[in-house]
Amino acid sequence: QDPLQNFKQAFHFPRHQDRDVIYFCGNSLGLQPKNVAAAMQTELDTWR
């Protein structure tokens, strides 16, 4: 019933024993959004 449920799939989770960890540490370091790699590559391409 969560209207935001799909956003979970937009992030990379560390793994533990072949399963996503339970990540309750965003108050220290947030997870990496999956769209970051392409965004970073865009600027690397521009630089190159």
ModelCIF file with pLDDT and N, C-alpha, C, O atoms, coordinates in Angstrom:
data_MODEL
#
_entry.id   MODEL 
#
_entity.id                         1 
_entity.type                       polymer 
_entity.pdbx_number_of_molecules   1 
#
_entity_poly.entity_id                      1 
_entity_poly.type                           'polypeptide(L)' 
_entity_poly.nstd_linkage                   no 
_entity_poly.nstd_monomer                   no 
_entity_poly.pdbx_seq_one_letter_code       QDPLQNFKQAFHFPRHQDRDVIYFCGNSLGLQPKNVAAAMQTELDTWR 
_entity_poly.pdbx_seq_one_letter_code_can   QDPLQNFKQAFHFPRHQDRDVIYFCGNSLGLQPKNVAAAMQTELDTWR 
_entity_poly.pdbx_strand_id                 A 
#
loop_
_entity_poly_seq.entity_id 
_entity_poly_seq.num 
_entity_poly_seq.mon_id 
_entity_poly_seq.hetero 
1 1  GLN n 
1 2  ASP n 
1 3  PRO n 
1 4  LEU n 
1 5  GLN n 
1 6  ASN n 
1 7  PHE n 
1 8  LYS n 
1 9  GLN n 
1 10 ALA n 
1 11 PHE n 
1 12 HIS n 
1 13 PHE n 
1 14 PRO n 
1 15 ARG n 
1 16 HIS n 
1 17 GLN n 
1 18 ASP n 
1 19 ARG n 
1 20 ASP n 
1 21 VAL n 
1 22 ILE n 
1 23 TYR n 
1 24 PHE n 
1 25 CYS n 
1 26 GLY n 
1 27 ASN n 
1 28 SER n 
1 29 LEU n 
1 30 GLY n 
1 31 LEU n 
1 32 GLN n 
1 33 PRO n 
1 34 LYS n 
1 35 ASN n 
1 36 VAL n 
1 37 ALA n 
1 38 ALA n 
1 39 ALA n 
1 40 MET n 
1 41 GLN n 
1 42 THR n 
1 43 GLU n 
1 44 LEU n 
1 45 ASP n 
1 46 THR n 
1 47 TRP n 
1 48 ARG n 
#
_struct_asym.id          A 
_struct_asym.entity_id   1 
#
loop_
_ma_qa_metric.id 
_ma_qa_metric.mode 
_ma_qa_metric.name 
_ma_qa_metric.software_group_id 
_ma_qa_metric.type 
1 global pLDDT . pLDDT 
2 local  pLDDT . pLDDT 
#
_ma_qa_metric_global.metric_id      1 
_ma_qa_metric_global.metric_value   97.85 
_ma_qa_metric_global.model_id       1 
_ma_qa_metric_global.ordinal_id     1 
#
loop_
_ma_qa_metric_local.label_asym_id 
_ma_qa_metric_local.label_comp_id 
_ma_qa_metric_local.label_seq_id 
_ma_qa_metric_local.metric_id 
_ma_qa_metric_local.metric_value 
_ma_qa_metric_local.model_id 
_ma_qa_metric_local.ordinal_id 
A GLN 1  2 98.00 1 1  
A ASP 2  2 98.00 1 2  
A PRO 3  2 98.00 1 3  
A LEU 4  2 98.00 1 4  
A GLN 5  2 98.00 1 5  
A ASN 6  2 98.00 1 6  
A PHE 7  2 98.00 1 7  
A LYS 8  2 98.00 1 8  
A GLN 9  2 98.00 1 9  
A ALA 10 2 98.00 1 10 
A PHE 11 2 98.00 1 11 
A HIS 12 2 98.00 1 12 
A PHE 13 2 98.00 1 13 
A PRO 14 2 98.00 1 14 
A ARG 15 2 97.00 1 15 
A HIS 16 2 97.00 1 16 
A GLN 17 2 96.00 1 17 
A ASP 18 2 96.00 1 18 
A ARG 19 2 97.00 1 19 
A ASP 20 2 98.00 1 20 
A VAL 21 2 98.00 1 21 
A ILE 22 2 98.00 1 22 
A TYR 23 2 98.00 1 23 
A PHE 24 2 98.00 1 24 
A CYS 25 2 98.00 1 25 
A GLY 26 2 98.00 1 26 
A ASN 27 2 98.00 1 27 
A SER 28 2 98.00 1 28 
A LEU 29 2 98.00 1 29 
A GLY 30 2 98.00 1 30 
A LEU 31 2 98.00 1 31 
A GLN 32 2 98.00 1 32 
A PRO 33 2 98.00 1 33 
A LYS 34 2 98.00 1 34 
A ASN 35 2 98.00 1 35 
A VAL 36 2 98.00 1 36 
A ALA 37 2 98.00 1 37 
A ALA 38 2 98.00 1 38 
A ALA 39 2 98.00 1 39 
A MET 40 2 98.00 1 40 
A GLN 41 2 98.00 1 41 
A THR 42 2 98.00 1 42 
A GLU 43 2 98.00 1 43 
A LEU 44 2 98.00 1 44 
A ASP 45 2 98.00 1 45 
A THR 46 2 98.00 1 46 
A TRP 47 2 98.00 1 47 
A ARG 48 2 98.00 1 48 
#
loop_
_atom_site.group_PDB 
_atom_site.id 
_atom_site.type_symbol 
_atom_site.label_atom_id 
_atom_site.label_alt_id 
_atom_site.label_comp_id 
_atom_site.label_asym_id 
_atom_site.label_entity_id 
_atom_site.label_seq_id 
_atom_site.pdbx_PDB_ins_code 
_atom_site.Cartn_x 
_atom_site.Cartn_y 
_atom_site.Cartn_z 
_atom_site.occupancy 
_atom_site.B_iso_or_equiv 
_atom_site.pdbx_formal_charge 
_atom_site.auth_seq_id 
_atom_site.auth_comp_id 
_atom_site.auth_asym_id 
_atom_site.auth_atom_id 
_atom_site.pdbx_PDB_model_num 
ATOM 1   N N  . GLN A 1 1  ? 0.811  -1.218  0.000   1.00 98.00 ? 1  GLN A N  1 
ATOM 2   C CA . GLN A 1 1  ? 0.000  0.000   0.000   1.00 98.00 ? 1  GLN A CA 1 
ATOM 3   C C  . GLN A 1 1  ? 0.845  1.269   0.000   1.00 98.00 ? 1  GLN A C  1 
ATOM 4   O O  . GLN A 1 1  ? 0.305  2.375   -0.026  1.00 98.00 ? 1  GLN A O  1 
ATOM 5   N N  . ASP A 1 2  ? 2.158  1.117   0.029   1.00 98.00 ? 2  ASP A N  1 
ATOM 6   C CA . ASP A 1 2  ? 3.067  2.265   0.116   1.00 98.00 ? 2  ASP A CA 1 
ATOM 7   C C  . ASP A 1 2  ? 3.244  2.888   -1.270  1.00 98.00 ? 2  ASP A C  1 
ATOM 8   O O  . ASP A 1 2  ? 3.766  2.225   -2.166  1.00 98.00 ? 2  ASP A O  1 
ATOM 9   N N  . PRO A 1 3  ? 2.832  4.127   -1.471  1.00 98.00 ? 3  PRO A N  1 
ATOM 10  C CA . PRO A 1 3  ? 2.993  4.762   -2.794  1.00 98.00 ? 3  PRO A CA 1 
ATOM 11  C C  . PRO A 1 3  ? 4.456  4.996   -3.172  1.00 98.00 ? 3  PRO A C  1 
ATOM 12  O O  . PRO A 1 3  ? 4.751  5.297   -4.329  1.00 98.00 ? 3  PRO A O  1 
ATOM 13  N N  . LEU A 1 4  ? 5.371  4.861   -2.216  1.00 98.00 ? 4  LEU A N  1 
ATOM 14  C CA . LEU A 1 4  ? 6.795  5.078   -2.482  1.00 98.00 ? 4  LEU A CA 1 
ATOM 15  C C  . LEU A 1 4  ? 7.566  3.759   -2.581  1.00 98.00 ? 4  LEU A C  1 
ATOM 16  O O  . LEU A 1 4  ? 8.797  3.763   -2.588  1.00 98.00 ? 4  LEU A O  1 
ATOM 17  N N  . GLN A 1 5  ? 6.859  2.641   -2.657  1.00 98.00 ? 5  GLN A N  1 
ATOM 18  C CA . GLN A 1 5  ? 7.523  1.333   -2.564  1.00 98.00 ? 5  GLN A CA 1 
ATOM 19  C C  . GLN A 1 5  ? 8.563  1.117   -3.656  1.00 98.00 ? 5  GLN A C  1 
ATOM 20  O O  . GLN A 1 5  ? 9.559  0.434   -3.421  1.00 98.00 ? 5  GLN A O  1 
ATOM 21  N N  . ASN A 1 6  ? 8.357  1.683   -4.847  1.00 98.00 ? 6  ASN A N  1 
ATOM 22  C CA . ASN A 1 6  ? 9.261  1.410   -5.954  1.00 98.00 ? 6  ASN A CA 1 
ATOM 23  C C  . ASN A 1 6  ? 10.611 2.108   -5.827  1.00 98.00 ? 6  ASN A C  1 
ATOM 24  O O  . ASN A 1 6  ? 11.560 1.747   -6.524  1.00 98.00 ? 6  ASN A O  1 
ATOM 25  N N  . PHE A 1 7  ? 10.707 3.090   -4.958  1.00 98.00 ? 7  PHE A N  1 
ATOM 26  C CA . PHE A 1 7  ? 11.980 3.807   -4.822  1.00 98.00 ? 7  PHE A CA 1 
ATOM 27  C C  . PHE A 1 7  ? 13.071 2.920   -4.231  1.00 98.00 ? 7  PHE A C  1 
ATOM 28  O O  . PHE A 1 7  ? 14.257 3.188   -4.421  1.00 98.00 ? 7  PHE A O  1 
ATOM 29  N N  . LYS A 1 8  ? 12.688 1.890   -3.531  1.00 98.00 ? 8  LYS A N  1 
ATOM 30  C CA . LYS A 1 8  ? 13.677 0.954   -2.988  1.00 98.00 ? 8  LYS A CA 1 
ATOM 31  C C  . LYS A 1 8  ? 14.533 0.356   -4.100  1.00 98.00 ? 8  LYS A C  1 
ATOM 32  O O  . LYS A 1 8  ? 15.717 0.078   -3.910  1.00 98.00 ? 8  LYS A O  1 
ATOM 33  N N  . GLN A 1 9  ? 13.915 0.164   -5.259  1.00 98.00 ? 9  GLN A N  1 
ATOM 34  C CA . GLN A 1 9  ? 14.640 -0.425  -6.381  1.00 98.00 ? 9  GLN A CA 1 
ATOM 35  C C  . GLN A 1 9  ? 15.590 0.559   -7.048  1.00 98.00 ? 9  GLN A C  1 
ATOM 36  O O  . GLN A 1 9  ? 16.355 0.176   -7.933  1.00 98.00 ? 9  GLN A O  1 
ATOM 37  N N  . ALA A 1 10 ? 15.553 1.798   -6.643  1.00 98.00 ? 10 ALA A N  1 
ATOM 38  C CA . ALA A 1 10 ? 16.405 2.828   -7.251  1.00 98.00 ? 10 ALA A CA 1 
ATOM 39  C C  . ALA A 1 10 ? 17.753 2.956   -6.543  1.00 98.00 ? 10 ALA A C  1 
ATOM 40  O O  . ALA A 1 10 ? 18.534 3.851   -6.865  1.00 98.00 ? 10 ALA A O  1 
ATOM 41  N N  . PHE A 1 11 ? 18.037 2.067   -5.575  1.00 98.00 ? 11 PHE A N  1 
ATOM 42  C CA . PHE A 1 11 ? 19.269 2.168   -4.788  1.00 98.00 ? 11 PHE A CA 1 
ATOM 43  C C  . PHE A 1 11 ? 20.015 0.839   -4.777  1.00 98.00 ? 11 PHE A C  1 
ATOM 44  O O  . PHE A 1 11 ? 19.416 -0.232  -4.877  1.00 98.00 ? 11 PHE A O  1 
ATOM 45  N N  . HIS A 1 12 ? 21.327 0.933   -4.654  1.00 98.00 ? 12 HIS A N  1 
ATOM 46  C CA . HIS A 1 12 ? 22.183 -0.231  -4.466  1.00 98.00 ? 12 HIS A CA 1 
ATOM 47  C C  . HIS A 1 12 ? 22.301 -0.540  -2.974  1.00 98.00 ? 12 HIS A C  1 
ATOM 48  O O  . HIS A 1 12 ? 22.596 0.346   -2.173  1.00 98.00 ? 12 HIS A O  1 
ATOM 49  N N  . PHE A 1 13 ? 22.069 -1.797  -2.609  1.00 98.00 ? 13 PHE A N  1 
ATOM 50  C CA . PHE A 1 13 ? 22.204 -2.241  -1.224  1.00 98.00 ? 13 PHE A CA 1 
ATOM 51  C C  . PHE A 1 13 ? 23.441 -3.134  -1.093  1.00 98.00 ? 13 PHE A C  1 
ATOM 52  O O  . PHE A 1 13 ? 23.682 -3.970  -1.964  1.00 98.00 ? 13 PHE A O  1 
ATOM 53  N N  . PRO A 1 14 ? 24.219 -2.978  -0.041  1.00 98.00 ? 14 PRO A N  1 
ATOM 54  C CA . PRO A 1 14 ? 25.242 -3.988  0.248   1.00 98.00 ? 14 PRO A CA 1 
ATOM 55  C C  . PRO A 1 14 ? 24.565 -5.345  0.476   1.00 98.00 ? 14 PRO A C  1 
ATOM 56  O O  . PRO A 1 14 ? 23.376 -5.425  0.786   1.00 98.00 ? 14 PRO A O  1 
ATOM 57  N N  . ARG A 1 15 ? 25.356 -6.397  0.315   1.00 97.00 ? 15 ARG A N  1 
ATOM 58  C CA . ARG A 1 15 ? 24.812 -7.741  0.443   1.00 97.00 ? 15 ARG A CA 1 
ATOM 59  C C  . ARG A 1 15 ? 25.424 -8.448  1.647   1.00 97.00 ? 15 ARG A C  1 
ATOM 60  O O  . ARG A 1 15 ? 26.570 -8.205  2.026   1.00 97.00 ? 15 ARG A O  1 
ATOM 61  N N  . HIS A 1 16 ? 24.618 -9.330  2.232   1.00 97.00 ? 16 HIS A N  1 
ATOM 62  C CA . HIS A 1 16 ? 25.074 -10.169 3.337   1.00 97.00 ? 16 HIS A CA 1 
ATOM 63  C C  . HIS A 1 16 ? 24.455 -11.543 3.153   1.00 97.00 ? 16 HIS A C  1 
ATOM 64  O O  . HIS A 1 16 ? 23.233 -11.692 3.183   1.00 97.00 ? 16 HIS A O  1 
ATOM 65  N N  . GLN A 1 17 ? 25.301 -12.545 2.961   1.00 96.00 ? 17 GLN A N  1 
ATOM 66  C CA . GLN A 1 17 ? 24.834 -13.923 2.748   1.00 96.00 ? 17 GLN A CA 1 
ATOM 67  C C  . GLN A 1 17 ? 23.784 -13.984 1.638   1.00 96.00 ? 17 GLN A C  1 
ATOM 68  O O  . GLN A 1 17 ? 22.704 -14.552 1.803   1.00 96.00 ? 17 GLN A O  1 
ATOM 69  N N  . ASP A 1 18 ? 24.143 -13.375 0.493   1.00 96.00 ? 18 ASP A N  1 
ATOM 70  C CA . ASP A 1 18 ? 23.318 -13.410 -0.724  1.00 96.00 ? 18 ASP A CA 1 
ATOM 71  C C  . ASP A 1 18 ? 21.957 -12.732 -0.566  1.00 96.00 ? 18 ASP A C  1 
ATOM 72  O O  . ASP A 1 18 ? 20.991 -13.071 -1.250  1.00 96.00 ? 18 ASP A O  1 
ATOM 73  N N  . ARG A 1 19 ? 21.908 -11.769 0.349   1.00 97.00 ? 19 ARG A N  1 
ATOM 74  C CA . ARG A 1 19 ? 20.657 -11.019 0.536   1.00 97.00 ? 19 ARG A CA 1 
ATOM 75  C C  . ARG A 1 19 ? 20.996 -9.572  0.848   1.00 97.00 ? 19 ARG A C  1 
ATOM 76  O O  . ARG A 1 19 ? 22.030 -9.287  1.452   1.00 97.00 ? 19 ARG A O  1 
ATOM 77  N N  . ASP A 1 20 ? 20.126 -8.658  0.436   1.00 98.00 ? 20 ASP A N  1 
ATOM 78  C CA . ASP A 1 20 ? 20.342 -7.256  0.786   1.00 98.00 ? 20 ASP A CA 1 
ATOM 79  C C  . ASP A 1 20 ? 20.400 -7.097  2.301   1.00 98.00 ? 20 ASP A C  1 
ATOM 80  O O  . ASP A 1 20 ? 19.607 -7.696  3.027   1.00 98.00 ? 20 ASP A O  1 
ATOM 81  N N  . VAL A 1 21 ? 21.343 -6.288  2.768   1.00 98.00 ? 21 VAL A N  1 
ATOM 82  C CA . VAL A 1 21 ? 21.372 -6.003  4.197   1.00 98.00 ? 21 VAL A CA 1 
ATOM 83  C C  . VAL A 1 21 ? 20.150 -5.181  4.579   1.00 98.00 ? 21 VAL A C  1 
ATOM 84  O O  . VAL A 1 21 ? 19.522 -4.541  3.736   1.00 98.00 ? 21 VAL A O  1 
ATOM 85  N N  . ILE A 1 22 ? 19.830 -5.213  5.853   1.00 98.00 ? 22 ILE A N  1 
ATOM 86  C CA . ILE A 1 22 ? 18.837 -4.280  6.404   1.00 98.00 ? 22 ILE A CA 1 
ATOM 87  C C  . ILE A 1 22 ? 19.605 -2.994  6.688   1.00 98.00 ? 22 ILE A C  1 
ATOM 88  O O  . ILE A 1 22 ? 20.397 -2.930  7.628   1.00 98.00 ? 22 ILE A O  1 
ATOM 89  N N  . TYR A 1 23 ? 19.366 -1.976  5.874   1.00 98.00 ? 23 TYR A N  1 
ATOM 90  C CA . TYR A 1 23 ? 20.186 -0.768  5.947   1.00 98.00 ? 23 TYR A CA 1 
ATOM 91  C C  . TYR A 1 23 ? 19.443 0.339   6.682   1.00 98.00 ? 23 TYR A C  1 
ATOM 92  O O  . TYR A 1 23 ? 18.603 1.034   6.109   1.00 98.00 ? 23 TYR A O  1 
ATOM 93  N N  . PHE A 1 24 ? 19.767 0.487   7.954   1.00 98.00 ? 24 PHE A N  1 
ATOM 94  C CA . PHE A 1 24 ? 19.172 1.534   8.784   1.00 98.00 ? 24 PHE A CA 1 
ATOM 95  C C  . PHE A 1 24 ? 20.250 2.525   9.217   1.00 98.00 ? 24 PHE A C  1 
ATOM 96  O O  . PHE A 1 24 ? 20.335 2.897   10.388  1.00 98.00 ? 24 PHE A O  1 
ATOM 97  N N  . CYS A 1 25 ? 21.071 2.946   8.254   1.00 98.00 ? 25 CYS A N  1 
ATOM 98  C CA . CYS A 1 25 ? 22.210 3.805   8.569   1.00 98.00 ? 25 CYS A CA 1 
ATOM 99  C C  . CYS A 1 25 ? 22.271 5.037   7.662   1.00 98.00 ? 25 CYS A C  1 
ATOM 100 O O  . CYS A 1 25 ? 23.337 5.623   7.475   1.00 98.00 ? 25 CYS A O  1 
ATOM 101 N N  . GLY A 1 26 ? 21.135 5.419   7.109   1.00 98.00 ? 26 GLY A N  1 
ATOM 102 C CA . GLY A 1 26 ? 21.104 6.609   6.262   1.00 98.00 ? 26 GLY A CA 1 
ATOM 103 C C  . GLY A 1 26 ? 21.390 7.884   7.019   1.00 98.00 ? 26 GLY A C  1 
ATOM 104 O O  . GLY A 1 26 ? 21.672 8.915   6.408   1.00 98.00 ? 26 GLY A O  1 
ATOM 105 N N  . ASN A 1 27 ? 21.322 7.835   8.346   1.00 98.00 ? 27 ASN A N  1 
ATOM 106 C CA . ASN A 1 27 ? 21.690 8.996   9.156   1.00 98.00 ? 27 ASN A CA 1 
ATOM 107 C C  . ASN A 1 27 ? 23.198 9.156   9.243   1.00 98.00 ? 27 ASN A C  1 
ATOM 108 O O  . ASN A 1 27 ? 23.685 10.150  9.783   1.00 98.00 ? 27 ASN A O  1 
ATOM 109 N N  . SER A 1 28 ? 23.946 8.189   8.717   1.00 98.00 ? 28 SER A N  1 
ATOM 110 C CA . SER A 1 28 ? 25.409 8.261   8.698   1.00 98.00 ? 28 SER A CA 1 
ATOM 111 C C  . SER A 1 28 ? 25.924 8.367   7.264   1.00 98.00 ? 28 SER A C  1 
ATOM 112 O O  . SER A 1 28 ? 26.734 9.242   6.958   1.00 98.00 ? 28 SER A O  1 
ATOM 113 N N  . LEU A 1 29 ? 25.458 7.483   6.390   1.00 98.00 ? 29 LEU A N  1 
ATOM 114 C CA . LEU A 1 29 ? 25.786 7.545   4.967   1.00 98.00 ? 29 LEU A CA 1 
ATOM 115 C C  . LEU A 1 29 ? 24.651 6.918   4.186   1.00 98.00 ? 29 LEU A C  1 
ATOM 116 O O  . LEU A 1 29 ? 24.332 5.743   4.371   1.00 98.00 ? 29 LEU A O  1 
ATOM 117 N N  . GLY A 1 30 ? 24.042 7.700   3.313   1.00 98.00 ? 30 GLY A N  1 
ATOM 118 C CA . GLY A 1 30 ? 22.959 7.181   2.490   1.00 98.00 ? 30 GLY A CA 1 
ATOM 119 C C  . GLY A 1 30 ? 23.466 6.210   1.443   1.00 98.00 ? 30 GLY A C  1 
ATOM 120 O O  . GLY A 1 30 ? 24.646 6.208   1.092   1.00 98.00 ? 30 GLY A O  1 
ATOM 121 N N  . LEU A 1 31 ? 22.550 5.381   0.947   1.00 98.00 ? 31 LEU A N  1 
ATOM 122 C CA . LEU A 1 31 ? 22.888 4.429   -0.104  1.00 98.00 ? 31 LEU A CA 1 
ATOM 123 C C  . LEU A 1 31 ? 23.133 5.137   -1.438  1.00 98.00 ? 31 LEU A C  1 
ATOM 124 O O  . LEU A 1 31 ? 22.734 6.284   -1.637  1.00 98.00 ? 31 LEU A O  1 
ATOM 125 N N  . GLN A 1 32 ? 23.796 4.423   -2.337  1.00 98.00 ? 32 GLN A N  1 
ATOM 126 C CA . GLN A 1 32 ? 24.060 4.985   -3.668  1.00 98.00 ? 32 GLN A CA 1 
ATOM 127 C C  . GLN A 1 32 ? 22.839 4.821   -4.570  1.00 98.00 ? 32 GLN A C  1 
ATOM 128 O O  . GLN A 1 32 ? 22.383 3.698   -4.790  1.00 98.00 ? 32 GLN A O  1 
ATOM 129 N N  . PRO A 1 33 ? 22.304 5.923   -5.095  1.00 98.00 ? 33 PRO A N  1 
ATOM 130 C CA . PRO A 1 33 ? 21.232 5.795   -6.086  1.00 98.00 ? 33 PRO A CA 1 
ATOM 131 C C  . PRO A 1 33 ? 21.781 5.169   -7.372  1.00 98.00 ? 33 PRO A C  1 
ATOM 132 O O  . PRO A 1 33 ? 22.920 5.430   -7.757  1.00 98.00 ? 33 PRO A O  1 
ATOM 133 N N  . LYS A 1 34 ? 20.979 4.359   -8.019  1.00 98.00 ? 34 LYS A N  1 
ATOM 134 C CA . LYS A 1 34 ? 21.424 3.668   -9.232  1.00 98.00 ? 34 LYS A CA 1 
ATOM 135 C C  . LYS A 1 34 ? 21.638 4.622   -10.399 1.00 98.00 ? 34 LYS A C  1 
ATOM 136 O O  . LYS A 1 34 ? 22.327 4.273   -11.358 1.00 98.00 ? 34 LYS A O  1 
ATOM 137 N N  . ASN A 1 35 ? 21.065 5.813   -10.338 1.00 98.00 ? 35 ASN A N  1 
ATOM 138 C CA . ASN A 1 35 ? 21.248 6.758   -11.444 1.00 98.00 ? 35 ASN A CA 1 
ATOM 139 C C  . ASN A 1 35 ? 22.558 7.542   -11.350 1.00 98.00 ? 35 ASN A C  1 
ATOM 140 O O  . ASN A 1 35 ? 22.863 8.353   -12.225 1.00 98.00 ? 35 ASN A O  1 
ATOM 141 N N  . VAL A 1 36 ? 23.323 7.302   -10.299 1.00 98.00 ? 36 VAL A N  1 
ATOM 142 C CA . VAL A 1 36 ? 24.559 8.064   -10.107 1.00 98.00 ? 36 VAL A CA 1 
ATOM 143 C C  . VAL A 1 36 ? 25.623 7.683   -11.129 1.00 98.00 ? 36 VAL A C  1 
ATOM 144 O O  . VAL A 1 36 ? 26.320 8.559   -11.641 1.00 98.00 ? 36 VAL A O  1 
ATOM 145 N N  . ALA A 1 37 ? 25.762 6.402   -11.434 1.00 98.00 ? 37 ALA A N  1 
ATOM 146 C CA . ALA A 1 37 ? 26.821 5.964   -12.338 1.00 98.00 ? 37 ALA A CA 1 
ATOM 147 C C  . ALA A 1 37 ? 26.710 6.645   -13.696 1.00 98.00 ? 37 ALA A C  1 
ATOM 148 O O  . ALA A 1 37 ? 27.707 7.122   -14.239 1.00 98.00 ? 37 ALA A O  1 
ATOM 149 N N  . ALA A 1 38 ? 25.495 6.692   -14.246 1.00 98.00 ? 38 ALA A N  1 
ATOM 150 C CA . ALA A 1 38 ? 25.306 7.339   -15.550 1.00 98.00 ? 38 ALA A CA 1 
ATOM 151 C C  . ALA A 1 38 ? 25.554 8.837   -15.452 1.00 98.00 ? 38 ALA A C  1 
ATOM 152 O O  . ALA A 1 38 ? 26.128 9.438   -16.360 1.00 98.00 ? 38 ALA A O  1 
ATOM 153 N N  . ALA A 1 39 ? 25.117 9.438   -14.344 1.00 98.00 ? 39 ALA A N  1 
ATOM 154 C CA . ALA A 1 39 ? 25.337 10.876  -14.164 1.00 98.00 ? 39 ALA A CA 1 
ATOM 155 C C  . ALA A 1 39 ? 26.829 11.191  -14.078 1.00 98.00 ? 39 ALA A C  1 
ATOM 156 O O  . ALA A 1 39 ? 27.300 12.174  -14.650 1.00 98.00 ? 39 ALA A O  1 
ATOM 157 N N  . MET A 1 40 ? 27.565 10.344  -13.357 1.00 98.00 ? 40 MET A N  1 
ATOM 158 C CA . MET A 1 40 ? 29.006 10.531  -13.254 1.00 98.00 ? 40 MET A CA 1 
ATOM 159 C C  . MET A 1 40 ? 29.675 10.326  -14.614 1.00 98.00 ? 40 MET A C  1 
ATOM 160 O O  . MET A 1 40 ? 30.598 11.058  -14.973 1.00 98.00 ? 40 MET A O  1 
ATOM 161 N N  . GLN A 1 41 ? 29.211 9.340   -15.357 1.00 98.00 ? 41 GLN A N  1 
ATOM 162 C CA . GLN A 1 41 ? 29.800 9.069   -16.670 1.00 98.00 ? 41 GLN A CA 1 
ATOM 163 C C  . GLN A 1 41 ? 29.579 10.236  -17.623 1.00 98.00 ? 41 GLN A C  1 
ATOM 164 O O  . GLN A 1 41 ? 30.432 10.534  -18.460 1.00 98.00 ? 41 GLN A O  1 
ATOM 165 N N  . THR A 1 42 ? 28.435 10.894  -17.492 1.00 98.00 ? 42 THR A N  1 
ATOM 166 C CA . THR A 1 42 ? 28.170 12.062  -18.339 1.00 98.00 ? 42 THR A CA 1 
ATOM 167 C C  . THR A 1 42 ? 29.249 13.123  -18.162 1.00 98.00 ? 42 THR A C  1 
ATOM 168 O O  . THR A 1 42 ? 29.747 13.683  -19.138 1.00 98.00 ? 42 THR A O  1 
ATOM 169 N N  . GLU A 1 43 ? 29.604 13.392  -16.918 1.00 98.00 ? 43 GLU A N  1 
ATOM 170 C CA . GLU A 1 43 ? 30.620 14.422  -16.666 1.00 98.00 ? 43 GLU A CA 1 
ATOM 171 C C  . GLU A 1 43 ? 32.017 13.928  -17.022 1.00 98.00 ? 43 GLU A C  1 
ATOM 172 O O  . GLU A 1 43 ? 32.857 14.718  -17.455 1.00 98.00 ? 43 GLU A O  1 
ATOM 173 N N  . LEU A 1 44 ? 32.278 12.640  -16.847 1.00 98.00 ? 44 LEU A N  1 
ATOM 174 C CA . LEU A 1 44 ? 33.559 12.085  -17.288 1.00 98.00 ? 44 LEU A CA 1 
ATOM 175 C C  . LEU A 1 44 ? 33.696 12.188  -18.811 1.00 98.00 ? 44 LEU A C  1 
ATOM 176 O O  . LEU A 1 44 ? 34.770 12.493  -19.330 1.00 98.00 ? 44 LEU A O  1 
ATOM 177 N N  . ASP A 1 45 ? 32.593 11.928  -19.515 1.00 98.00 ? 45 ASP A N  1 
ATOM 178 C CA . ASP A 1 45 ? 32.615 12.051  -20.970 1.00 98.00 ? 45 ASP A CA 1 
ATOM 179 C C  . ASP A 1 45 ? 32.867 13.493  -21.394 1.00 98.00 ? 45 ASP A C  1 
ATOM 180 O O  . ASP A 1 45 ? 33.638 13.756  -22.317 1.00 98.00 ? 45 ASP A O  1 
ATOM 181 N N  . THR A 1 46 ? 32.209 14.418  -20.710 1.00 98.00 ? 46 THR A N  1 
ATOM 182 C CA . THR A 1 46 ? 32.411 15.833  -21.027 1.00 98.00 ? 46 THR A CA 1 
ATOM 183 C C  . THR A 1 46 ? 33.859 16.232  -20.808 1.00 98.00 ? 46 THR A C  1 
ATOM 184 O O  . THR A 1 46 ? 34.449 16.933  -21.630 1.00 98.00 ? 46 THR A O  1 
ATOM 185 N N  . TRP A 1 47 ? 34.428 15.789  -19.706 1.00 98.00 ? 47 TRP A N  1 
ATOM 186 C CA . TRP A 1 47 ? 35.831 16.091  -19.411 1.00 98.00 ? 47 TRP A CA 1 
ATOM 187 C C  . TRP A 1 47 ? 36.744 15.498  -20.486 1.00 98.00 ? 47 TRP A C  1 
ATOM 188 O O  . TRP A 1 47 ? 37.665 16.157  -20.968 1.00 98.00 ? 47 TRP A O  1 
ATOM 189 N N  . ARG A 1 48 ? 36.470 14.237  -20.853 1.00 98.00 ? 48 ARG A N  1 
ATOM 190 C CA . ARG A 1 48 ? 37.302 13.555  -21.844 1.00 98.00 ? 48 ARG A CA 1 
ATOM 191 C C  . ARG A 1 48 ? 37.198 14.220  -23.212 1.00 98.00 ? 48 ARG A C  1 
ATOM 192 O O  . ARG A 1 48 ? 37.835 13.774  -24.166 1.00 98.00 ? 48 ARG A O  1 
#
